[in-house]
Protein backbone atom coordinates (compact mmCIF):
# COMPACT_ATOMS: atom_id res chain seq x y z
CA MET A 1 0.00 0.00 0.00
CA PRO A 2 1.54 3.34 -1.00
CA ILE A 3 2.62 5.93 1.53
CA SER A 4 0.60 9.13 1.32
CA GLN A 5 1.57 12.63 2.35
CA GLN A 6 -0.16 15.96 2.74
CA PRO A 7 0.72 19.48 3.85
CA PHE A 8 0.09 20.10 7.55
CA GLY A 9 0.72 23.82 7.89
CA VAL A 10 3.71 26.10 8.29
CA THR A 11 5.84 26.82 11.36
CA GLY A 12 6.23 30.29 12.82
CA ASP A 13 9.48 30.78 10.91
CA GLY A 14 7.91 29.73 7.62
CA GLN A 15 8.98 26.09 7.31
CA PRO A 16 6.39 23.83 5.67
CA VAL A 17 5.32 20.75 7.62
CA THR A 18 4.33 17.47 5.97
CA LEU A 19 2.17 14.70 7.43
CA TYR A 20 2.92 11.16 6.22
CA THR A 21 0.53 8.20 6.48
CA LEU A 22 1.95 4.68 6.69
CA ALA A 23 -0.54 1.84 6.18
CA ASN A 24 -0.73 -1.84 5.29
CA ASP A 25 -3.15 -4.76 5.08
CA SER A 26 -2.94 -5.55 8.82
CA GLY A 27 -5.42 -2.76 9.56
CA VAL A 28 -2.85 -0.65 11.36
CA SER A 29 -2.11 2.83 10.04
CA VAL A 30 0.19 5.49 11.44
CA GLU A 31 0.61 9.21 10.81
CA VAL A 32 3.99 10.87 11.39
CA MET A 33 4.95 14.47 10.71
CA ASN A 34 8.37 15.91 9.98
CA TYR A 35 7.86 18.59 12.65
CA GLY A 36 9.19 17.10 15.88
CA GLY A 37 8.98 13.60 14.37
CA ILE A 38 5.52 13.59 15.92
CA LEU A 39 3.58 10.33 15.97
CA ARG A 40 0.16 11.92 15.45
CA VAL A 41 -2.20 9.00 14.81
CA ILE A 42 -2.17 5.23 15.34
CA HIS A 43 -5.29 3.48 14.05
CA THR A 44 -5.75 -0.13 15.18
CA PRO A 45 -8.71 -2.55 15.21
CA ASP A 46 -10.32 -3.87 18.39
CA ARG A 47 -11.34 -7.51 18.89
CA ASN A 48 -14.46 -6.86 16.75
CA GLY A 49 -12.57 -5.13 13.98
CA GLN A 50 -13.71 -1.65 15.00
CA MET A 51 -11.02 0.95 14.35
CA ALA A 52 -9.90 3.65 16.78
CA ASP A 53 -7.04 6.10 17.11
CA ILE A 54 -5.11 4.97 20.19
CA THR A 55 -2.68 7.86 20.59
CA LEU A 56 -3.32 11.39 21.88
CA GLY A 57 -2.70 14.52 19.84
CA PHE A 58 -4.20 17.40 17.91
CA ASP A 59 -5.95 18.15 14.62
CA SER A 60 -3.83 21.18 13.70
CA LEU A 61 -0.17 22.16 13.61
CA ASP A 62 -0.96 25.31 15.59
CA ALA A 63 -1.88 23.17 18.60
CA TYR A 64 1.48 21.39 18.40
CA LEU A 65 3.31 24.73 18.12
CA ALA A 66 1.71 25.87 21.40
CA PRO A 67 2.81 24.41 24.76
CA HIS A 68 1.44 20.88 25.24
CA PRO A 69 2.33 17.67 27.15
CA PHE A 70 4.83 16.44 24.50
CA PHE A 71 2.13 14.47 22.65
CA GLY A 72 3.85 11.99 20.33
CA VAL A 73 7.11 13.90 19.95
CA LEU A 74 10.69 12.78 19.38
CA VAL A 75 12.63 13.85 22.46
CA GLY A 76 16.30 14.93 22.37
CA ARG A 77 19.05 15.56 22.94
CA PHE A 78 18.30 14.15 26.37
CA ALA A 79 14.95 12.61 27.27
CA ASN A 80 13.65 13.03 30.82
CA ARG A 81 15.30 15.14 33.52
CA ILE A 82 18.83 16.27 34.31
CA GLY A 83 19.10 17.46 37.91
CA GLN A 84 19.96 21.12 38.48
CA ALA A 85 20.24 21.43 34.67
CA ARG A 86 23.95 20.66 34.68
CA PHE A 87 26.41 17.79 34.34
CA ALA A 88 30.15 17.21 34.10
CA LEU A 89 31.78 15.70 31.03
CA ASP A 90 35.52 15.08 30.77
CA GLY A 91 36.20 17.57 33.54
CA ALA A 92 34.07 20.39 32.13
CA GLU A 93 30.77 21.48 33.69
CA ILE A 94 27.97 21.87 31.15
CA ARG A 95 25.03 24.06 32.12
CA LEU A 96 21.68 23.57 30.41
CA ALA A 97 18.37 25.42 30.35
CA LYS A 98 16.27 25.17 33.50
CA ASN A 99 12.93 24.48 31.84
CA ASN A 100 11.37 22.28 34.56
CA GLY A 101 11.77 24.12 37.83
CA VAL A 102 15.48 23.94 38.64
CA ASN A 103 15.92 20.94 36.33
CA HIS A 104 16.39 20.36 32.60
CA LEU A 105 13.64 18.41 30.82
CA HIS A 106 13.45 16.72 27.41
CA GLY A 107 16.34 18.54 25.76
CA GLY A 108 15.40 22.10 26.68
CA SER A 109 13.05 24.77 25.44
CA GLN A 110 14.01 24.17 21.79
CA GLY A 111 14.60 20.44 21.77
CA PHE A 112 14.28 17.98 18.91
CA ASP A 113 10.49 18.04 19.38
CA LYS A 114 10.44 21.59 17.98
CA LYS A 115 12.59 21.03 14.88
CA VAL A 116 11.56 20.39 11.29
CA TRP A 117 13.41 17.24 10.25
CA GLN A 118 14.49 16.24 6.76
CA SER A 119 12.13 13.47 5.70
CA GLU A 120 12.17 10.64 3.18
CA PRO A 121 9.37 8.06 2.89
CA PHE A 122 10.29 4.55 1.76
CA GLN A 123 8.76 1.21 0.81
CA ASN A 124 10.67 -2.04 1.31
CA GLY A 125 8.66 -5.14 0.49
CA ASP A 126 5.86 -5.41 3.05
CA ALA A 127 7.37 -2.62 5.15
CA CYS A 128 6.83 1.08 4.72
CA GLY A 129 8.30 3.91 6.68
CA LEU A 130 9.75 7.36 7.09
CA ARG A 131 13.39 8.34 7.52
CA LEU A 132 13.97 11.52 9.49
CA ALA A 133 17.32 13.31 9.73
CA TYR A 134 18.51 16.31 11.72
CA THR A 135 21.87 17.94 12.42
CA SER A 136 22.15 19.42 15.90
CA TRP A 137 25.07 21.83 15.87
CA ASP A 138 27.70 22.13 18.59
CA GLY A 139 26.26 24.32 21.36
CA GLU A 140 22.59 23.85 20.47
CA GLU A 141 20.74 24.09 23.81
CA ASN A 142 24.34 24.27 25.17
CA TYR A 143 25.03 20.60 24.49
CA PRO A 144 28.56 19.90 23.19
CA GLY A 145 29.30 18.33 19.82
CA THR A 146 27.74 18.48 16.39
CA LEU A 147 25.34 15.56 16.27
CA ASN A 148 23.99 13.89 13.14
CA VAL A 149 20.77 12.07 14.00
CA GLN A 150 18.61 9.70 11.98
CA VAL A 151 15.31 8.32 13.25
CA VAL A 152 13.45 5.75 11.16
CA TYR A 153 9.80 4.80 11.65
CA THR A 154 8.97 1.44 10.00
CA LEU A 155 5.52 -0.16 9.91
CA THR A 156 5.58 -3.91 9.22
CA GLY A 157 2.35 -5.81 9.78
CA ASN A 158 1.06 -4.83 13.20
CA ALA A 159 4.43 -3.55 14.48
CA LEU A 160 5.87 -0.04 14.45
CA ALA A 161 9.64 0.04 14.91
CA ILE A 162 11.54 3.21 15.76
CA ASP A 163 15.27 3.05 15.07
CA TYR A 164 17.48 5.79 16.49
CA ARG A 165 20.99 6.35 15.09
CA ALA A 166 23.49 9.16 15.72
CA THR A 167 27.15 10.15 15.53
CA THR A 168 29.00 13.10 17.05
CA ASP A 169 32.25 14.94 16.34
CA LYS A 170 33.11 15.26 20.04
CA ALA A 171 31.99 13.86 23.37
CA THR A 172 28.39 14.58 24.31
CA ILE A 173 25.42 12.90 25.97
CA LEU A 174 22.44 11.46 24.13
CA ASN A 175 19.14 9.89 25.14
CA LEU A 176 16.43 9.71 22.47
CA THR A 177 12.84 8.53 22.86
CA ASN A 178 9.31 8.99 21.60
CA HIS A 179 6.74 10.53 23.95
CA ALA A 180 3.55 8.95 22.55
CA TYR A 181 0.54 8.90 24.86
CA PHE A 182 -1.55 5.76 24.42
CA ASN A 183 -5.19 5.06 25.19
CA LEU A 184 -6.15 1.63 23.91
CA ALA A 185 -9.87 2.37 24.34
CA GLY A 186 -9.55 5.46 22.14
CA SER A 187 -11.11 7.78 24.74
CA GLY A 188 -11.75 8.20 28.46
CA ASP A 189 -9.14 7.62 31.14
CA ILE A 190 -6.60 4.80 31.27
CA LEU A 191 -7.20 3.61 34.84
CA GLY A 192 -8.84 0.35 33.72
CA HIS A 193 -5.99 -0.59 31.38
CA ARG A 194 -3.92 -3.49 32.70
CA ILE A 195 -0.14 -3.04 32.61
CA GLN A 196 2.68 -5.52 32.97
CA LEU A 197 6.29 -4.31 33.12
CA HIS A 198 9.22 -6.66 32.61
CA ALA A 199 11.17 -4.97 35.39
CA ASP A 200 12.34 -6.18 38.78
CA PHE A 201 13.89 -2.83 39.74
CA PHE A 202 13.14 0.88 39.40
CA THR A 203 15.06 4.09 40.05
CA PRO A 204 13.43 6.01 42.93
CA ILE A 205 12.90 9.78 42.65
CA ASP A 206 12.93 12.70 45.06
CA ASP A 207 10.31 15.42 45.41
CA THR A 208 11.66 17.21 42.31
CA LEU A 209 11.30 13.98 40.27
CA ILE A 210 15.08 13.52 40.03
CA THR A 211 16.45 10.01 40.48
CA THR A 212 18.22 9.50 43.81
CA GLY A 213 20.86 7.17 42.36
CA GLU A 214 19.41 4.09 44.02
CA ILE A 215 18.31 1.06 42.00
CA ARG A 216 15.56 -0.44 44.16
CA PRO A 217 13.64 -3.73 43.90
CA VAL A 218 9.96 -3.25 43.11
CA ASP A 219 8.98 -5.99 45.60
CA GLY A 220 6.21 -5.08 48.01
CA SER A 221 5.53 -1.66 46.50
CA PRO A 222 2.89 -0.15 44.18
CA LEU A 223 5.64 -0.18 41.55
CA ASP A 224 5.62 -3.97 41.40
CA LEU A 225 3.89 -4.31 38.04
CA ARG A 226 5.41 -7.63 37.04
CA GLN A 227 1.94 -9.21 36.85
CA PRO A 228 -0.90 -7.61 34.85
CA THR A 229 -2.30 -4.87 37.08
CA PRO A 230 -4.98 -2.20 36.51
CA ILE A 231 -3.19 1.14 36.17
CA GLY A 232 -5.68 2.65 38.61
CA ALA A 233 -5.27 -0.02 41.29
CA ALA A 234 -2.55 1.78 43.26
CA ILE A 235 -2.14 5.03 41.35
CA ASP A 236 -3.13 7.08 44.42
CA ALA A 237 -1.57 4.77 47.02
CA ASP A 238 -0.21 6.16 50.28
CA ASP A 239 3.37 5.64 49.16
CA ALA A 240 6.21 8.16 49.04
CA GLN A 241 7.21 7.30 45.47
CA ILE A 242 3.63 7.48 44.19
CA GLY A 243 3.26 10.78 46.05
CA PHE A 244 6.35 12.31 44.44
CA GLY A 245 5.12 11.35 40.97
CA GLY A 246 1.45 12.17 41.55
CA GLY A 247 0.94 8.61 40.34
CA TYR A 248 3.32 6.69 38.11
CA ASP A 249 6.18 8.75 36.67
CA HIS A 250 9.11 6.42 37.18
CA ASN A 251 11.94 4.77 35.30
CA PHE A 252 11.94 0.98 35.39
CA VAL A 253 15.01 -1.18 34.72
CA VAL A 254 14.09 -3.42 31.79
CA ARG A 255 14.93 -7.04 32.53
CA GLY A 256 17.69 -8.52 30.37
CA THR A 257 20.77 -7.19 28.62
CA PRO A 258 20.77 -3.56 27.41
CA GLY A 259 21.51 -3.47 23.70
CA ALA A 260 19.46 -6.60 23.05
CA LEU A 261 15.89 -6.18 21.82
CA ARG A 262 13.73 -7.62 24.60
CA PRO A 263 10.23 -7.24 26.10
CA ALA A 264 9.69 -4.14 28.24
CA ALA A 265 5.93 -3.85 28.72
CA ARG A 266 2.52 -5.26 27.85
CA VAL A 267 -0.72 -3.31 28.24
CA THR A 268 -4.27 -4.56 27.63
CA GLU A 269 -7.63 -2.79 27.57
CA PRO A 270 -10.43 -5.17 28.65
CA THR A 271 -13.43 -3.59 26.92
CA THR A 272 -11.88 -3.47 23.43
CA GLY A 273 -9.39 -6.31 23.75
CA ARG A 274 -6.60 -4.16 22.36
CA VAL A 275 -3.05 -5.10 23.35
CA LEU A 276 0.15 -3.04 23.18
CA GLU A 277 3.50 -4.78 23.55
CA VAL A 278 6.75 -2.83 23.79
CA GLU A 279 10.22 -4.17 23.08
CA THR A 280 13.42 -2.14 23.36
CA THR A 281 17.21 -2.24 23.36
CA GLN A 282 17.29 0.56 25.94
CA PRO A 283 18.19 -0.06 29.60
CA GLY A 284 15.04 1.60 30.96
CA VAL A 285 11.44 2.59 30.33
CA GLN A 286 9.59 5.50 31.90
CA PHE A 287 6.02 4.58 32.79
CA TYR A 288 4.03 7.81 33.03
CA SER A 289 0.32 7.73 33.82
CA GLY A 290 -0.63 11.22 32.59
CA ASN A 291 -0.77 12.72 36.08
CA MET A 292 0.15 16.23 34.95
CA MET A 293 -2.37 16.38 32.13
CA PRO A 294 -5.04 19.04 32.71
CA ASP A 295 -8.54 17.96 33.76
CA ALA A 296 -9.91 18.74 30.30
CA MET A 297 -7.87 19.24 27.14
CA GLN A 298 -9.12 19.62 23.58
CA GLY A 299 -7.78 16.74 21.51
CA LYS A 300 -8.34 15.25 18.07
CA THR A 301 -11.72 14.80 16.39
CA GLY A 302 -13.62 16.68 19.09
CA LEU A 303 -12.41 14.52 21.97
CA ILE A 304 -11.75 16.10 25.35
CA TYR A 305 -8.83 14.39 27.04
CA PRO A 306 -9.20 14.02 30.82
CA ARG A 307 -6.38 13.93 33.32
CA ARG A 308 -4.79 10.50 33.00
CA GLY A 309 -6.34 10.18 29.56
CA GLY A 310 -3.18 8.54 28.23
CA PHE A 311 -0.11 6.68 29.40
CA CYS A 312 3.47 6.79 28.13
CA LEU A 313 6.12 4.10 27.89
CA GLU A 314 9.25 6.10 27.09
CA THR A 315 12.18 3.79 26.43
CA GLN A 316 15.36 5.48 27.58
CA HIS A 317 18.61 5.74 29.45
CA PHE A 318 17.95 6.34 33.13
CA PRO A 319 16.95 9.91 34.13
CA ASP A 320 19.83 12.10 35.35
CA SER A 321 22.32 9.43 34.28
CA PRO A 322 24.92 12.08 33.31
CA ASN A 323 25.17 12.78 37.06
CA LYS A 324 24.86 9.18 38.24
CA PRO A 325 28.00 7.16 37.38
CA GLN A 326 26.35 3.99 38.74
CA PHE A 327 23.76 4.18 35.93
CA PRO A 328 24.43 3.05 32.33
CA SER A 329 26.41 5.83 30.66
CA PRO A 330 24.67 8.08 28.11
CA VAL A 331 28.00 9.48 26.85
CA LEU A 332 28.58 9.32 23.08
CA ARG A 333 32.08 10.00 21.76
CA SER A 334 33.54 10.75 18.36
CA GLY A 335 33.96 7.53 16.40
CA GLU A 336 31.11 5.81 18.26
CA ARG A 337 27.62 5.19 16.90
CA TYR A 338 24.46 5.62 18.96
CA SER A 339 22.04 2.84 18.04
CA GLN A 340 18.77 2.04 19.82
CA THR A 341 15.52 0.41 18.71
CA THR A 342 12.03 0.33 20.17
CA VAL A 343 9.13 -1.70 18.75
CA PHE A 344 5.45 -1.08 19.49
CA ARG A 345 3.35 -4.13 18.60
CA PHE A 346 -0.44 -3.83 18.35
CA GLY A 347 -2.84 -6.74 18.76
CA VAL A 348 -6.04 -8.01 20.39
CA GLU A 349 -7.04 -10.73 22.82
């Protein structure tokens, strides 16, 4: 099935934005735009063959240009938070924008989510996709090194793979992810969804949502999600970690060897039968339950998104890892190649 594309508006500085639709005979179709690499739409069938869009977003580019909860965006250079908006690299202190209280969040005020990427659609047998490329110059958002980044979205059957590749001309840090919000029912809140995380440990946070440096077993806590559990079951539990996050907003250590593609999460929605499975090469996954979403937000096709109207599974290096030497290192050096893959697989039961 051919890839289609259409204009989707113009940015404030006059750059045209294109929306690409990837589709195949499995019934799954995906829309991606070259602004922010945004995953705008994911249509999947339920157990009765009824289609719904299972990701949150907007109908117009203008809504994406305004402040929003990072719906569907590519996040870089560094996903999640860096404490006190600073880190040391090879003896030099690097100071970043404080765009989340005293901390640095999702690459800064002009991160990769706000860039127009070069885009090239492709068809390869049964697979279709979109290649995105961006050059982040030395000093952009005060990060060191000129970084050449390629992100490839590939739809094959009922699976959407996102491949992240990058090289740099000098030492820097890098942590790329996609910030899609999912709702497998297509509307309403996500409290009845059942989640299973393939994680025996998580990285606790403090009251500013910065990781403490500890890697803690999930045993006996509301963060033990190793068996299928309704998201709403303990989302307001009397627990310090749940309190800090206002619900779930935590990095989990994905079981297995980082660098190998392995299961990270499985989510089901009982009323529709839809299933989302996530695999990744990354060491961690941030499970976020939409706690900071407003009570009512205008979304696509007339929908009003409630608080906790979507959940995120952001595959990643651990938050604040540039300041935590005990965590897997996010440092990328000249001559090295950053390579990570995440697969979202859609099904029914």
